[in-house]
Protein backbone atom coordinates (compact mmCIF):
# COMPACT_ATOMS: atom_id res chain seq x y z
CA UNK A 1 -261.74 -125.80 -10.44
CA UNK A 2 -258.09 -125.04 -9.93
CA UNK A 3 -257.52 -128.61 -8.69
CA UNK A 4 -257.29 -129.69 -12.37
CA UNK A 5 -254.46 -127.32 -13.16
CA UNK A 6 -252.70 -128.50 -9.84
CA UNK A 7 -253.23 -132.11 -10.92
CA UNK A 8 -251.69 -131.36 -14.29
CA UNK A 9 -248.76 -129.75 -12.60
CA UNK A 10 -248.13 -132.74 -10.45
CA UNK A 11 -248.30 -134.98 -13.44
CA UNK A 12 -245.82 -132.71 -15.27
CA UNK A 13 -243.34 -132.91 -12.43
CA UNK A 14 -243.69 -136.70 -12.01
CA UNK A 15 -243.32 -137.04 -15.81
CA UNK A 16 -240.16 -134.95 -15.78
CA UNK A 17 -238.71 -137.14 -13.01
CA UNK A 18 -239.65 -140.33 -14.82
CA UNK A 19 -237.81 -139.09 -17.96
CA UNK A 20 -234.73 -138.31 -15.84
CA UNK A 21 -234.79 -141.96 -14.77
CA UNK A 22 -234.92 -143.27 -18.35
CA UNK A 23 -238.68 -143.45 -18.68
CA UNK A 24 -239.32 -145.41 -15.50
CA UNK A 25 -243.00 -146.21 -14.95
CA UNK A 26 -244.57 -144.21 -12.12
CA UNK A 27 -246.96 -146.29 -10.01
CA UNK A 28 -247.87 -143.73 -7.51
CA UNK A 29 -247.29 -140.04 -6.59
CA UNK A 30 -247.30 -139.30 -2.78
CA UNK A 31 -248.56 -135.88 -1.72
CA UNK A 32 -248.80 -134.23 1.64
CA UNK A 33 -251.78 -131.94 1.81
CA UNK A 34 -252.93 -129.56 4.71
CA UNK A 35 -256.41 -128.18 5.12
CA UNK A 36 -255.17 -124.67 4.85
CA UNK A 37 -253.57 -125.25 1.38
CA UNK A 38 -256.75 -124.08 -0.46
CA UNK A 39 -257.12 -127.33 -2.22
CA UNK A 40 -260.08 -129.80 -1.79
CA UNK A 41 -258.62 -133.27 -1.36
CA UNK A 42 -261.54 -135.08 -3.16
CA UNK A 43 -261.47 -132.64 -6.09
CA UNK A 44 -257.73 -133.08 -6.49
CA UNK A 45 -257.96 -136.87 -6.39
CA UNK A 46 -260.69 -136.76 -9.01
CA UNK A 47 -258.81 -134.22 -11.24
CA UNK A 48 -255.69 -136.27 -11.01
CA UNK A 49 -257.48 -139.46 -12.02
CA UNK A 50 -258.99 -137.72 -14.97
CA UNK A 51 -255.88 -135.92 -16.13
CA UNK A 52 -253.68 -138.97 -15.70
CA UNK A 53 -255.77 -141.05 -18.18
CA UNK A 54 -254.43 -138.95 -20.99
CA UNK A 55 -250.87 -138.66 -19.94
CA UNK A 56 -247.74 -140.93 -19.65
CA UNK A 57 -248.74 -141.62 -16.08
CA UNK A 58 -251.97 -143.46 -17.02
CA UNK A 59 -252.74 -145.95 -14.37
CA UNK A 60 -250.77 -144.19 -11.60
CA UNK A 61 -252.32 -143.39 -8.25
CA UNK A 62 -252.27 -140.21 -6.23
CA UNK A 63 -251.70 -141.07 -2.53
CA UNK A 64 -252.71 -138.13 -0.37
CA UNK A 65 -251.41 -137.77 3.25
CA UNK A 66 -253.60 -135.51 5.36
CA UNK A 67 -251.43 -133.03 7.33
CA UNK A 68 -253.01 -131.59 10.48
CA UNK A 69 -253.02 -127.88 11.39
CA UNK A 70 -250.48 -127.20 14.11
CA UNK A 71 -250.23 -123.88 15.74
CA UNK A 72 -247.99 -122.46 18.46
CA UNK A 73 -249.79 -121.41 21.56
CA UNK A 74 -247.85 -118.64 23.38
CA UNK A 75 -249.91 -119.05 26.45
CA UNK A 76 -249.06 -122.82 26.87
CA UNK A 77 -245.62 -122.25 25.20
CA UNK A 78 -246.05 -125.17 22.96
CA UNK A 79 -247.33 -126.48 19.59
CA UNK A 80 -250.83 -127.83 19.53
CA UNK A 81 -253.03 -129.54 16.85
CA UNK A 82 -255.97 -127.33 16.09
CA UNK A 83 -259.29 -129.08 16.37
CA UNK A 84 -261.26 -126.77 14.15
CA UNK A 85 -259.98 -124.48 11.36
CA UNK A 86 -263.12 -122.26 11.93
CA UNK A 87 -261.86 -121.55 15.49
CA UNK A 88 -258.04 -121.18 15.48
CA UNK A 89 -257.75 -121.66 19.23
CA UNK A 90 -255.54 -123.73 21.52
CA UNK A 91 -257.55 -126.90 22.41
CA UNK A 92 -256.05 -126.85 25.98
CA UNK A 93 -256.36 -123.22 27.12
CA UNK A 94 -258.77 -121.85 24.47
CA UNK A 95 -256.65 -118.82 23.57
CA UNK A 96 -256.46 -117.74 19.85
CA UNK A 97 -253.42 -119.28 18.16
CA UNK A 98 -252.51 -117.25 15.08
CA UNK A 99 -248.92 -118.70 14.74
CA UNK A 100 -249.65 -121.53 12.25
CA UNK A 101 -246.64 -123.93 12.00
CA UNK A 102 -248.21 -126.68 9.87
CA UNK A 103 -251.22 -127.26 7.70
CA UNK A 104 -250.70 -125.22 4.57
CA UNK A 105 -248.62 -127.87 2.79
CA UNK A 106 -249.17 -129.15 -0.61
CA UNK A 107 -245.93 -131.08 -1.59
CA UNK A 108 -245.05 -134.10 -3.61
CA UNK A 109 -242.99 -136.15 -1.16
CA UNK A 110 -242.24 -139.36 -3.17
CA UNK A 111 -242.80 -141.20 -6.32
CA UNK A 112 -243.27 -145.05 -6.46
CA UNK A 113 -241.43 -146.20 -9.52
CA UNK A 114 -241.51 -149.67 -10.95
CA UNK A 115 -238.07 -151.29 -10.80
């Protein structure tokens, strides 16, 4: 379960930022996560909860924003949200759309810190 090591890395980054801010208490860590990131959302949330219990961020929450898969369709000449990651096709014209523009993200976007 690589989600545990990812959760621990997120906690390390958030702890470092907290220390840079004089030990400010982190209430929540906000994360953008795409379905092509290779990370299972539920497993990451569970791993974060477990790992945070024994860290300086005990009691903090992991807030995960789902990022849709967006691909560029050369036939339609526009970006489209992909309906199924099993079929990477334009939902309008049905042509394969291998030019993925969004959906691989796994990035910490914000920390909620107690004032």
